Amino acid sequence: QVQLRESGGGLVQAGGSLRLSCVSSGSIFGRSTMGWYRQVAGKQREVVATITSGGYTNYADSVKGRFTISRDSAKNTVYLQMNSLSPDDTSVYYCYEINKLGVEFWGQGTQVTVSS
């Protein structure tokens, strides 16, 4: 059973930074695509960033140049470094994992709140 556990959310002022972490267990982490999406209640989720097993990254236009996704296979952990945060980034952020069979798993989310 794959389990994903996020941490690092919180309250930050506009212009500030946060780093989210997500530890994966129960999967062959090195073979999975990992990513982060965010969702505000009542709105569609937005995929923020992804990183493949080979290290290829992709970002939503809304976060390009501000967010950086990375992974540490030795720790089964994926990170999301978020800089220059704005109130528009306020959301619940979820870590997700897609294994080689295409099955998706996600965590319970961590709240990020950016004050103006």
PDB file of N, CA and C in Angstrom:
ATOM      1  N   GLN A   1       0.848  -1.183   0.000  1.00  0.00           N
ATOM      2  CA  GLN A   1       0.000   0.000   0.000  1.00  0.00           C
ATOM      3  C   GLN A   1       0.896   1.251   0.000  1.00  0.00           C
ATOM      4  N   VAL A   2       0.714   2.085  -1.016  1.00  0.00           N
ATOM      5  CA  VAL A   2       1.499   3.308  -1.102  1.00  0.00           C
ATOM      6  C   VAL A   2       0.916   4.353  -0.156  1.00  0.00           C
ATOM      7  N   GLN A   3       1.788   4.973   0.586  1.00  0.00           N
ATOM      8  CA  GLN A   3       1.374   6.074   1.452  1.00  0.00           C
ATOM      9  C   GLN A   3       2.259   7.277   1.185  1.00  0.00           C
ATOM     10  N   LEU A   4       1.623   8.430   1.114  1.00  0.00           N
ATOM     11  CA  LEU A   4       2.329   9.681   0.898  1.00  0.00           C
ATOM     12  C   LEU A   4       2.025  10.605   2.061  1.00  0.00           C
ATOM     13  N   ARG A   5       3.077  11.191   2.591  1.00  0.00           N
ATOM     14  CA  ARG A   5       2.891  12.077   3.747  1.00  0.00           C
ATOM     15  C   ARG A   5       3.561  13.409   3.481  1.00  0.00           C
ATOM     16  N   GLU A   6       2.740  14.460   3.391  1.00  0.00           N
ATOM     17  CA  GLU A   6       3.251  15.805   3.123  1.00  0.00           C
ATOM     18  C   GLU A   6       3.549  16.542   4.422  1.00  0.00           C
ATOM     19  N   SER A   7       4.454  17.490   4.321  1.00  0.00           N
ATOM     20  CA  SER A   7       4.743  18.393   5.434  1.00  0.00           C
ATOM     21  C   SER A   7       5.321  19.686   4.872  1.00  0.00           C
ATOM     22  N   GLY A   8       5.360  20.697   5.717  1.00  0.00           N
ATOM     23  CA  GLY A   8       6.004  21.947   5.323  1.00  0.00           C
ATOM     24  C   GLY A   8       5.065  23.094   5.025  1.00  0.00           C
ATOM     25  N   GLY A   9       3.771  22.833   5.024  1.00  0.00           N
ATOM     26  CA  GLY A   9       2.843  23.929   4.782  1.00  0.00           C
ATOM     27  C   GLY A   9       2.784  24.880   5.954  1.00  0.00           C
ATOM     28  N   GLY A  10       2.073  25.983   5.764  1.00  0.00           N
ATOM     29  CA  GLY A  10       1.946  26.947   6.842  1.00  0.00           C
ATOM     30  C   GLY A  10       1.515  28.293   6.335  1.00  0.00           C
ATOM     31  N   LEU A  11       1.698  29.285   7.188  1.00  0.00           N
ATOM     32  CA  LEU A  11       1.326  30.659   6.878  1.00  0.00           C
ATOM     33  C   LEU A  11       2.592  31.461   6.597  1.00  0.00           C
ATOM     34  N   VAL A  12       2.571  32.188   5.498  1.00  0.00           N
ATOM     35  CA  VAL A  12       3.727  32.990   5.113  1.00  0.00           C
ATOM     36  C   VAL A  12       3.240  34.292   4.498  1.00  0.00           C
ATOM     37  N   GLN A  13       4.040  35.321   4.618  1.00  0.00           N
ATOM     38  CA  GLN A  13       3.682  36.591   3.998  1.00  0.00           C
ATOM     39  C   GLN A  13       4.005  36.579   2.507  1.00  0.00           C
ATOM     40  N   ALA A  14       3.311  37.411   1.790  1.00  0.00           N
ATOM     41  CA  ALA A  14       3.577  37.536   0.358  1.00  0.00           C
ATOM     42  C   ALA A  14       5.045  37.862   0.131  1.00  0.00           C
ATOM     43  N   GLY A  15       5.619  37.209  -0.869  1.00  0.00           N
ATOM     44  CA  GLY A  15       7.037  37.377  -1.147  1.00  0.00           C
ATOM     45  C   GLY A  15       7.923  36.382  -0.446  1.00  0.00           C
ATOM     46  N   GLY A  16       7.346  35.649   0.486  1.00  0.00           N
ATOM     47  CA  GLY A  16       8.105  34.683   1.255  1.00  0.00           C
ATOM     48  C   GLY A  16       8.257  33.344   0.546  1.00  0.00           C
ATOM     49  N   SER A  17       8.849  32.401   1.267  1.00  0.00           N
ATOM     50  CA  SER A  17       9.138  31.080   0.710  1.00  0.00           C
ATOM     51  C   SER A  17       8.705  29.979   1.671  1.00  0.00           C
ATOM     52  N   LEU A  18       8.406  28.848   1.089  1.00  0.00           N
ATOM     53  CA  LEU A  18       8.143  27.630   1.851  1.00  0.00           C
ATOM     54  C   LEU A  18       8.705  26.452   1.070  1.00  0.00           C
ATOM     55  N   ARG A  19       9.048  25.408   1.783  1.00  0.00           N
ATOM     56  CA  ARG A  19       9.448  24.169   1.126  1.00  0.00           C
ATOM     57  C   ARG A  19       8.561  23.040   1.621  1.00  0.00           C
ATOM     58  N   LEU A  20       7.879  22.433   0.696  1.00  0.00           N
ATOM     59  CA  LEU A  20       7.048  21.285   1.021  1.00  0.00           C
ATOM     60  C   LEU A  20       7.843  20.001   0.804  1.00  0.00           C
ATOM     61  N   SER A  21       7.569  19.022   1.636  1.00  0.00           N
ATOM     62  CA  SER A  21       8.201  17.718   1.500  1.00  0.00           C
ATOM     63  C   SER A  21       7.127  16.642   1.452  1.00  0.00           C
ATOM     64  N   CYS A  22       7.440  15.563   0.774  1.00  0.00           N
ATOM     65  CA  CYS A  22       6.503  14.440   0.694  1.00  0.00           C
ATOM     66  C   CYS A  22       7.314  13.146   0.723  1.00  0.00           C
ATOM     67  N   VAL A  23       7.058  12.356   1.743  1.00  0.00           N
ATOM     68  CA  VAL A  23       7.737  11.078   1.867  1.00  0.00           C
ATOM     69  C   VAL A  23       6.821   9.970   1.365  1.00  0.00           C
ATOM     70  N   SER A  24       7.354   9.145   0.495  1.00  0.00           N
ATOM     71  CA  SER A  24       6.590   8.033  -0.067  1.00  0.00           C
ATOM     72  C   SER A  24       7.032   6.722   0.564  1.00  0.00           C
ATOM     73  N   SER A  25       6.085   5.873   0.851  1.00  0.00           N
ATOM     74  CA  SER A  25       6.412   4.541   1.359  1.00  0.00           C
ATOM     75  C   SER A  25       5.513   3.517   0.683  1.00  0.00           C
ATOM     76  N   GLY A  26       6.031   2.321   0.541  1.00  0.00           N
ATOM     77  CA  GLY A  26       5.245   1.242  -0.028  1.00  0.00           C
ATOM     78  C   GLY A  26       5.295   1.143  -1.538  1.00  0.00           C
ATOM     79  N   SER A  27       6.166   1.911  -2.172  1.00  0.00           N
ATOM     80  CA  SER A  27       6.250   1.848  -3.631  1.00  0.00           C
ATOM     81  C   SER A  27       7.703   1.728  -4.055  1.00  0.00           C
ATOM     82  N   ILE A  28       7.877   1.489  -5.348  1.00  0.00           N
ATOM     83  CA  ILE A  28       9.231   1.527  -5.896  1.00  0.00           C
ATOM     84  C   ILE A  28       9.456   2.969  -6.330  1.00  0.00           C
ATOM     85  N   PHE A  29       9.835   3.777  -5.372  1.00  0.00           N
ATOM     86  CA  PHE A  29       9.863   5.225  -5.551  1.00  0.00           C
ATOM     87  C   PHE A  29      10.649   5.641  -6.789  1.00  0.00           C
ATOM     88  N   GLY A  30      11.778   5.023  -7.014  1.00  0.00           N
ATOM     89  CA  GLY A  30      12.649   5.450  -8.096  1.00  0.00           C
ATOM     90  C   GLY A  30      12.045   5.261  -9.473  1.00  0.00           C
ATOM     91  N   ARG A  31      10.976   4.496  -9.579  1.00  0.00           N
ATOM     92  CA  ARG A  31      10.349   4.234 -10.876  1.00  0.00           C
ATOM     93  C   ARG A  31       9.078   5.047 -11.084  1.00  0.00           C
ATOM     94  N   SER A  32       8.752   5.883 -10.124  1.00  0.00           N
ATOM     95  CA  SER A  32       7.487   6.600 -10.196  1.00  0.00           C
ATOM     96  C   SER A  32       7.673   8.045 -10.631  1.00  0.00           C
ATOM     97  N   THR A  33       6.646   8.571 -11.258  1.00  0.00           N
ATOM     98  CA  THR A  33       6.545  10.012 -11.486  1.00  0.00           C
ATOM     99  C   THR A  33       5.913  10.627 -10.246  1.00  0.00           C
ATOM    100  N   MET A  34       6.489  11.692  -9.776  1.00  0.00           N
ATOM    101  CA  MET A  34       5.997  12.372  -8.591  1.00  0.00           C
ATOM    102  C   MET A  34       5.565  13.780  -8.957  1.00  0.00           C
ATOM    103  N   GLY A  35       4.704  14.321  -8.141  1.00  0.00           N
ATOM    104  CA  GLY A  35       4.289  15.686  -8.429  1.00  0.00           C
ATOM    105  C   GLY A  35       3.498  16.300  -7.300  1.00  0.00           C
ATOM    106  N   TRP A  36       3.132  17.531  -7.542  1.00  0.00           N
ATOM    107  CA  TRP A  36       2.313  18.282  -6.599  1.00  0.00           C
ATOM    108  C   TRP A  36       1.149  18.922  -7.372  1.00  0.00           C
ATOM    109  N   TYR A  37       0.003  18.879  -6.764  1.00  0.00           N
ATOM    110  CA  TYR A  37      -1.097  19.664  -7.289  1.00  0.00           C
ATOM    111  C   TYR A  37      -1.712  20.437  -6.134  1.00  0.00           C
ATOM    112  N   ARG A  38      -2.485  21.427  -6.471  1.00  0.00           N
ATOM    113  CA  ARG A  38      -3.159  22.212  -5.439  1.00  0.00           C
ATOM    114  C   ARG A  38      -4.625  22.358  -5.790  1.00  0.00           C
ATOM    115  N   GLN A  39      -5.393  22.532  -4.784  1.00  0.00           N
ATOM    116  CA  GLN A  39      -6.830  22.635  -4.993  1.00  0.00           C
ATOM    117  C   GLN A  39      -7.453  23.502  -3.924  1.00  0.00           C
ATOM    118  N   VAL A  40      -8.226  24.471  -4.379  1.00  0.00           N
ATOM    119  CA  VAL A  40      -9.036  25.304  -3.500  1.00  0.00           C
ATOM    120  C   VAL A  40     -10.445  24.723  -3.522  1.00  0.00           C
ATOM    121  N   ALA A  41     -11.087  24.707  -2.376  1.00  0.00           N
ATOM    122  CA  ALA A  41     -12.431  24.134  -2.274  1.00  0.00           C
ATOM    123  C   ALA A  41     -13.356  24.743  -3.324  1.00  0.00           C
ATOM    124  N   GLY A  42     -14.021  23.871  -4.068  1.00  0.00           N
ATOM    125  CA  GLY A  42     -14.971  24.322  -5.069  1.00  0.00           C
ATOM    126  C   GLY A  42     -14.360  24.607  -6.426  1.00  0.00           C
ATOM    127  N   LYS A  43     -13.053  24.435  -6.540  1.00  0.00           N
ATOM    128  CA  LYS A  43     -12.379  24.684  -7.819  1.00  0.00           C
ATOM    129  C   LYS A  43     -11.661  23.425  -8.280  1.00  0.00           C
ATOM    130  N   GLN A  44     -11.350  23.409  -9.574  1.00  0.00           N
ATOM    131  CA  GLN A  44     -10.618  22.270 -10.125  1.00  0.00           C
ATOM    132  C   GLN A  44      -9.190  22.257  -9.601  1.00  0.00           C
ATOM    133  N   ARG A  45      -8.641  21.079  -9.507  1.00  0.00           N
ATOM    134  CA  ARG A  45      -7.270  21.002  -9.068  1.00  0.00           C
ATOM    135  C   ARG A  45      -6.329  21.470 -10.177  1.00  0.00           C
ATOM    136  N   GLU A  46      -5.213  21.988  -9.766  1.00  0.00           N
ATOM    137  CA  GLU A  46      -4.202  22.470 -10.698  1.00  0.00           C
ATOM    138  C   GLU A  46      -2.907  21.708 -10.422  1.00  0.00           C
ATOM    139  N   VAL A  47      -2.419  21.030 -11.437  1.00  0.00           N
ATOM    140  CA  VAL A  47      -1.138  20.365 -11.302  1.00  0.00           C
ATOM    141  C   VAL A  47      -0.048  21.437 -11.333  1.00  0.00           C
ATOM    142  N   VAL A  48       0.710  21.513 -10.262  1.00  0.00           N
ATOM    143  CA  VAL A  48       1.698  22.578 -10.107  1.00  0.00           C
ATOM    144  C   VAL A  48       3.040  22.180 -10.710  1.00  0.00           C
ATOM    145  N   ALA A  49       3.480  20.966 -10.414  1.00  0.00           N
ATOM    146  CA  ALA A  49       4.800  20.530 -10.873  1.00  0.00           C
ATOM    147  C   ALA A  49       4.867  19.025 -10.870  1.00  0.00           C
ATOM    148  N   THR A  50       5.638  18.481 -11.804  1.00  0.00           N
ATOM    149  CA  THR A  50       5.878  17.041 -11.844  1.00  0.00           C
ATOM    150  C   THR A  50       7.353  16.781 -12.084  1.00  0.00           C
ATOM    151  N   ILE A  51       7.786  15.613 -11.665  1.00  0.00           N
ATOM    152  CA  ILE A  51       9.152  15.181 -11.921  1.00  0.00           C
ATOM    153  C   ILE A  51       9.121  13.680 -12.203  1.00  0.00           C
ATOM    154  N   THR A  52       9.709  13.296 -13.315  1.00  0.00           N
ATOM    155  CA  THR A  52       9.698  11.888 -13.689  1.00  0.00           C
ATOM    156  C   THR A  52      10.820  11.133 -12.980  1.00  0.00           C
ATOM    157  N   SER A  53      10.814   9.838 -13.165  1.00  0.00           N
ATOM    158  CA  SER A  53      11.868   9.012 -12.558  1.00  0.00           C
ATOM    159  C   SER A  53      13.233   9.390 -13.123  1.00  0.00           C
ATOM    160  N   GLY A  54      13.249   9.937 -14.333  1.00  0.00           N
ATOM    161  CA  GLY A  54      14.508  10.346 -14.953  1.00  0.00           C
ATOM    162  C   GLY A  54      14.907  11.770 -14.631  1.00  0.00           C
ATOM    163  N   GLY A  55      14.073  12.442 -13.825  1.00  0.00           N
ATOM    164  CA  GLY A  55      14.410  13.797 -13.407  1.00  0.00           C
ATOM    165  C   GLY A  55      13.877  14.897 -14.303  1.00  0.00           C
ATOM    166  N   TYR A  56      13.057  14.529 -15.295  1.00  0.00           N
ATOM    167  CA  TYR A  56      12.470  15.564 -16.152  1.00  0.00           C
ATOM    168  C   TYR A  56      11.372  16.271 -15.371  1.00  0.00           C
ATOM    169  N   THR A  57      11.382  17.607 -15.430  1.00  0.00           N
ATOM    170  CA  THR A  57      10.416  18.393 -14.667  1.00  0.00           C
ATOM    171  C   THR A  57       9.487  19.174 -15.572  1.00  0.00           C
ATOM    172  N   ASN A  58       8.312  19.468 -15.049  1.00  0.00           N
ATOM    173  CA  ASN A  58       7.346  20.269 -15.781  1.00  0.00           C
ATOM    174  C   ASN A  58       6.575  21.094 -14.764  1.00  0.00           C
ATOM    175  N   TYR A  59       6.237  22.334 -15.157  1.00  0.00           N
ATOM    176  CA  TYR A  59       5.590  23.251 -14.229  1.00  0.00           C
ATOM    177  C   TYR A  59       4.374  23.902 -14.871  1.00  0.00           C
ATOM    178  N   ALA A  60       3.424  24.229 -14.045  1.00  0.00           N
ATOM    179  CA  ALA A  60       2.316  25.057 -14.501  1.00  0.00           C
ATOM    180  C   ALA A  60       2.852  26.450 -14.809  1.00  0.00           C
ATOM    181  N   ASP A  61       2.252  27.113 -15.783  1.00  0.00           N
ATOM    182  CA  ASP A  61       2.703  28.457 -16.153  1.00  0.00           C
ATOM    183  C   ASP A  61       2.640  29.409 -14.962  1.00  0.00           C
ATOM    184  N   SER A  62       1.682  29.188 -14.087  1.00  0.00           N
ATOM    185  CA  SER A  62       1.472  30.094 -12.962  1.00  0.00           C
ATOM    186  C   SER A  62       2.602  30.059 -11.937  1.00  0.00           C
ATOM    187  N   VAL A  63       3.441  29.033 -11.978  1.00  0.00           N
ATOM    188  CA  VAL A  63       4.500  28.919 -10.980  1.00  0.00           C
ATOM    189  C   VAL A  63       5.897  28.870 -11.584  1.00  0.00           C
ATOM    190  N   LYS A  64       5.988  28.877 -12.891  1.00  0.00           N
ATOM    191  CA  LYS A  64       7.298  28.808 -13.537  1.00  0.00           C
ATOM    192  C   LYS A  64       8.190  29.940 -13.072  1.00  0.00           C
ATOM    193  N   GLY A  65       9.423  29.590 -12.753  1.00  0.00           N
ATOM    194  CA  GLY A  65      10.369  30.590 -12.299  1.00  0.00           C
ATOM    195  C   GLY A  65      10.299  30.876 -10.810  1.00  0.00           C
ATOM    196  N   ARG A  66       9.256  30.360 -10.146  1.00  0.00           N
ATOM    197  CA  ARG A  66       9.114  30.593  -8.703  1.00  0.00           C
ATOM    198  C   ARG A  66       9.193  29.297  -7.905  1.00  0.00           C
ATOM    199  N   PHE A  67       8.682  28.214  -8.470  1.00  0.00           N
ATOM    200  CA  PHE A  67       8.658  26.926  -7.770  1.00  0.00           C
ATOM    201  C   PHE A  67       9.670  25.984  -8.394  1.00  0.00           C
ATOM    202  N   THR A  68      10.243  25.128  -7.568  1.00  0.00           N
ATOM    203  CA  THR A  68      11.181  24.120  -8.045  1.00  0.00           C
ATOM    204  C   THR A  68      10.855  22.779  -7.399  1.00  0.00           C
ATOM    205  N   ILE A  69      10.673  21.779  -8.230  1.00  0.00           N
ATOM    206  CA  ILE A  69      10.415  20.427  -7.722  1.00  0.00           C
ATOM    207  C   ILE A  69      11.709  19.630  -7.819  1.00  0.00           C
ATOM    208  N   SER A  70      11.939  18.802  -6.825  1.00  0.00           N
ATOM    209  CA  SER A  70      13.125  17.948  -6.827  1.00  0.00           C
ATOM    210  C   SER A  70      12.794  16.653  -6.070  1.00  0.00           C
ATOM    211  N   ARG A  71      13.667  15.679  -6.237  1.00  0.00           N
ATOM    212  CA  ARG A  71      13.430  14.407  -5.548  1.00  0.00           C
ATOM    213  C   ARG A  71      14.743  13.844  -5.043  1.00  0.00           C
ATOM    214  N   ASP A  72      14.650  13.141  -3.934  1.00  0.00           N
ATOM    215  CA  ASP A  72      15.800  12.466  -3.342  1.00  0.00           C
ATOM    216  C   ASP A  72      15.412  10.993  -3.223  1.00  0.00           C
ATOM    217  N   SER A  73      15.900  10.190  -4.141  1.00  0.00           N
ATOM    218  CA  SER A  73      15.505   8.778  -4.161  1.00  0.00           C
ATOM    219  C   SER A  73      16.012   8.029  -2.939  1.00  0.00           C
ATOM    220  N   ALA A  74      17.124   8.454  -2.394  1.00  0.00           N
ATOM    221  CA  ALA A  74      17.662   7.785  -1.206  1.00  0.00           C
ATOM    222  C   ALA A  74      16.720   7.951  -0.013  1.00  0.00           C
ATOM    223  N   LYS A  75      15.951   9.037  -0.014  1.00  0.00           N
ATOM    224  CA  LYS A  75      15.028   9.310   1.086  1.00  0.00           C
ATOM    225  C   LYS A  75      13.573   9.094   0.688  1.00  0.00           C
ATOM    226  N   ASN A  76      13.344   8.636  -0.545  1.00  0.00           N
ATOM    227  CA  ASN A  76      11.964   8.463  -1.042  1.00  0.00           C
ATOM    228  C   ASN A  76      11.145   9.734  -0.825  1.00  0.00           C
ATOM    229  N   THR A  77      11.753  10.846  -1.129  1.00  0.00           N
ATOM    230  CA  THR A  77      11.129  12.137  -0.824  1.00  0.00           C
ATOM    231  C   THR A  77      11.136  13.041  -2.044  1.00  0.00           C
ATOM    232  N   VAL A  78      10.042  13.743  -2.229  1.00  0.00           N
ATOM    233  CA  VAL A  78       9.956  14.769  -3.254  1.00  0.00           C
ATOM    234  C   VAL A  78       9.709  16.103  -2.558  1.00  0.00           C
ATOM    235  N   TYR A  79      10.308  17.144  -3.099  1.00  0.00           N
ATOM    236  CA  TYR A  79      10.221  18.477  -2.495  1.00  0.00           C
ATOM    237  C   TYR A  79       9.595  19.461  -3.475  1.00  0.00           C
ATOM    238  N   LEU A  80       9.014  20.499  -2.913  1.00  0.00           N
ATOM    239  CA  LEU A  80       8.553  21.620  -3.715  1.00  0.00           C
ATOM    240  C   LEU A  80       9.018  22.898  -3.024  1.00  0.00           C
ATOM    241  N   GLN A  81      10.027  23.521  -3.611  1.00  0.00           N
ATOM    242  CA  GLN A  81      10.511  24.800  -3.100  1.00  0.00           C
ATOM    243  C   GLN A  81       9.677  25.900  -3.738  1.00  0.00           C
ATOM    244  N   MET A  82       9.038  26.698  -2.909  1.00  0.00           N
ATOM    245  CA  MET A  82       8.148  27.745  -3.392  1.00  0.00           C
ATOM    246  C   MET A  82       8.688  29.099  -2.957  1.00  0.00           C
ATOM    247  N   ASN A  83       9.029  29.917  -3.926  1.00  0.00           N
ATOM    248  CA  ASN A  83       9.556  31.260  -3.662  1.00  0.00           C
ATOM    249  C   ASN A  83       8.613  32.318  -4.214  1.00  0.00           C
ATOM    250  N   SER A  84       8.805  33.529  -3.769  1.00  0.00           N
ATOM    251  CA  SER A  84       8.000  34.670  -4.236  1.00  0.00           C
ATOM    252  C   SER A  84       6.506  34.355  -4.173  1.00  0.00           C
ATOM    253  N   LEU A  85       6.098  33.841  -3.062  1.00  0.00           N
ATOM    254  CA  LEU A  85       4.702  33.431  -2.914  1.00  0.00           C
ATOM    255  C   LEU A  85       3.771  34.637  -2.911  1.00  0.00           C
ATOM    256  N   SER A  86       2.600  34.426  -3.462  1.00  0.00           N
ATOM    257  CA  SER A  86       1.571  35.455  -3.487  1.00  0.00           C
ATOM    258  C   SER A  86       0.278  34.870  -2.911  1.00  0.00           C
ATOM    259  N   PRO A  87      -0.669  35.737  -2.550  1.00  0.00           N
ATOM    260  CA  PRO A  87      -1.941  35.225  -2.023  1.00  0.00           C
ATOM    261  C   PRO A  87      -2.638  34.256  -2.980  1.00  0.00           C
ATOM    262  N   ASP A  88      -2.386  34.399  -4.277  1.00  0.00           N
ATOM    263  CA  ASP A  88      -2.989  33.478  -5.251  1.00  0.00           C
ATOM    264  C   ASP A  88      -2.475  32.052  -5.107  1.00  0.00           C
ATOM    265  N   ASP A  89      -1.376  31.877  -4.403  1.00  0.00           N
ATOM    266  CA  ASP A  89      -0.833  30.537  -4.182  1.00  0.00           C
ATOM    267  C   ASP A  89      -1.480  29.835  -2.993  1.00  0.00           C
ATOM    268  N   THR A  90      -2.326  30.547  -2.282  1.00  0.00           N
ATOM    269  CA  THR A  90      -3.012  29.946  -1.137  1.00  0.00           C
ATOM    270  C   THR A  90      -3.871  28.781  -1.598  1.00  0.00           C
ATOM    271  N   SER A  91      -3.660  27.631  -0.988  1.00  0.00           N
ATOM    272  CA  SER A  91      -4.375  26.433  -1.396  1.00  0.00           C
ATOM    273  C   SER A  91      -3.964  25.265  -0.500  1.00  0.00           C
ATOM    274  N   VAL A  92      -4.628  24.156  -0.671  1.00  0.00           N
ATOM    275  CA  VAL A  92      -4.139  22.898  -0.108  1.00  0.00           C
ATOM    276  C   VAL A  92      -3.284  22.241  -1.183  1.00  0.00           C
ATOM    277  N   TYR A  93      -2.088  21.858  -0.798  1.00  0.00           N
ATOM    278  CA  TYR A  93      -1.156  21.248  -1.735  1.00  0.00           C
ATOM    279  C   TYR A  93      -1.077  19.752  -1.450  1.00  0.00           C
ATOM    280  N   TYR A  94      -1.219  18.982  -2.515  1.00  0.00           N
ATOM    281  CA  TYR A  94      -1.207  17.529  -2.411  1.00  0.00           C
ATOM    282  C   TYR A  94      -0.026  16.960  -3.201  1.00  0.00           C
ATOM    283  N   CYS A  95       0.613  16.010  -2.597  1.00  0.00           N
ATOM    284  CA  CYS A  95       1.647  15.241  -3.272  1.00  0.00           C
ATOM    285  C   CYS A  95       0.976  14.063  -3.976  1.00  0.00           C
ATOM    286  N   TYR A  96       1.450  13.727  -5.170  1.00  0.00           N
ATOM    287  CA  TYR A  96       0.902  12.549  -5.823  1.00  0.00           C
ATOM    288  C   TYR A  96       2.031  11.736  -6.446  1.00  0.00           C
ATOM    289  N   GLU A  97       1.714  10.489  -6.658  1.00  0.00           N
ATOM    290  CA  GLU A  97       2.677   9.551  -7.237  1.00  0.00           C
ATOM    291  C   GLU A  97       1.957   8.702  -8.268  1.00  0.00           C
ATOM    292  N   ILE A  98       2.577   8.528  -9.409  1.00  0.00           N
ATOM    293  CA  ILE A  98       2.040   7.668 -10.458  1.00  0.00           C
ATOM    294  C   ILE A  98       3.056   6.569 -10.708  1.00  0.00           C
ATOM    295  N   ASN A  99       2.655   5.322 -10.442  1.00  0.00           N
ATOM    296  CA  ASN A  99       3.621   4.248 -10.616  1.00  0.00           C
ATOM    297  C   ASN A  99       3.670   3.793 -12.076  1.00  0.00           C
ATOM    298  N   LYS A 100       4.497   2.815 -12.337  1.00  0.00           N
ATOM    299  CA  LYS A 100       4.721   2.384 -13.721  1.00  0.00           C
ATOM    300  C   LYS A 100       3.479   1.751 -14.344  1.00  0.00           C
ATOM    301  N   LEU A 101       2.512   1.365 -13.520  1.00  0.00           N
ATOM    302  CA  LEU A 101       1.262   0.812 -14.049  1.00  0.00           C
ATOM    303  C   LEU A 101       0.245   1.918 -14.320  1.00  0.00           C
ATOM    304  N   GLY A 102       0.621   3.155 -14.023  1.00  0.00           N
ATOM    305  CA  GLY A 102      -0.289   4.266 -14.243  1.00  0.00           C
ATOM    306  C   GLY A 102      -1.270   4.501 -13.119  1.00  0.00           C
ATOM    307  N   VAL A 103      -1.073   3.825 -12.009  1.00  0.00           N
ATOM    308  CA  VAL A 103      -1.962   3.992 -10.866  1.00  0.00           C
ATOM    309  C   VAL A 103      -1.512   5.217 -10.076  1.00  0.00           C
ATOM    310  N   GLU A 104      -2.463   6.053  -9.730  1.00  0.00           N
ATOM    311  CA  GLU A 104      -2.147   7.296  -9.029  1.00  0.00           C
ATOM    312  C   GLU A 104      -2.485   7.190  -7.549  1.00  0.00           C
ATOM    313  N   PHE A 105      -1.613   7.736  -6.748  1.00  0.00           N
ATOM    314  CA  PHE A 105      -1.818   7.821  -5.308  1.00  0.00           C
ATOM    315  C   PHE A 105      -1.603   9.276  -4.898  1.00  0.00           C
ATOM    316  N   TRP A 106      -2.243   9.689  -3.825  1.00  0.00           N
ATOM    317  CA  TRP A 106      -2.021  11.051  -3.340  1.00  0.00           C
ATOM    318  C   TRP A 106      -2.099  11.085  -1.835  1.00  0.00           C
ATOM    319  N   GLY A 107      -1.514  12.137  -1.283  1.00  0.00           N
ATOM    320  CA  GLY A 107      -1.502  12.302   0.152  1.00  0.00           C
ATOM    321  C   GLY A 107      -2.711  13.059   0.645  1.00  0.00           C
ATOM    322  N   GLN A 108      -2.700  13.404   1.910  1.00  0.00           N
ATOM    323  CA  GLN A 108      -3.847  14.076   2.529  1.00  0.00           C
ATOM    324  C   GLN A 108      -3.776  15.588   2.404  1.00  0.00           C
ATOM    325  N   GLY A 109      -2.649  16.092   1.936  1.00  0.00           N
ATOM    326  CA  GLY A 109      -2.554  17.515   1.677  1.00  0.00           C
ATOM    327  C   GLY A 109      -1.989  18.314   2.828  1.00  0.00           C
ATOM    328  N   THR A 110      -1.424  19.450   2.479  1.00  0.00           N
ATOM    329  CA  THR A 110      -0.924  20.387   3.477  1.00  0.00           C
ATOM    330  C   THR A 110      -1.349  21.801   3.062  1.00  0.00           C
ATOM    331  N   GLN A 111      -1.824  22.551   4.023  1.00  0.00           N
ATOM    332  CA  GLN A 111      -2.355  23.882   3.734  1.00  0.00           C
ATOM    333  C   GLN A 111      -1.228  24.896   3.621  1.00  0.00           C
ATOM    334  N   VAL A 112      -1.292  25.673   2.564  1.00  0.00           N
ATOM    335  CA  VAL A 112      -0.389  26.810   2.385  1.00  0.00           C
ATOM    336  C   VAL A 112      -1.245  28.068   2.319  1.00  0.00           C
ATOM    337  N   THR A 113      -0.956  29.006   3.195  1.00  0.00           N
ATOM    338  CA  THR A 113      -1.692  30.263   3.232  1.00  0.00           C
ATOM    339  C   THR A 113      -0.700  31.416   3.105  1.00  0.00           C
ATOM    340  N   VAL A 114      -0.944  32.264   2.120  1.00  0.00           N
ATOM    341  CA  VAL A 114      -0.068  33.408   1.883  1.00  0.00           C
ATOM    342  C   VAL A 114      -0.858  34.674   2.176  1.00  0.00           C
ATOM    343  N   SER A 115      -0.387  35.432   3.127  1.00  0.00           N
ATOM    344  CA  SER A 115      -1.078  36.676   3.506  1.00  0.00           C
ATOM    345  C   SER A 115      -0.512  37.850   2.718  1.00  0.00           C
ATOM    346  N   SER A 116      -1.387  38.817   2.456  1.00  0.00           N
ATOM    347  CA  SER A 116      -0.950  39.998   1.681  1.00  0.00           C
ATOM    348  C   SER A 116      -0.394  41.080   2.581  1.00  0.00           C
TER     349      SER A 116
END
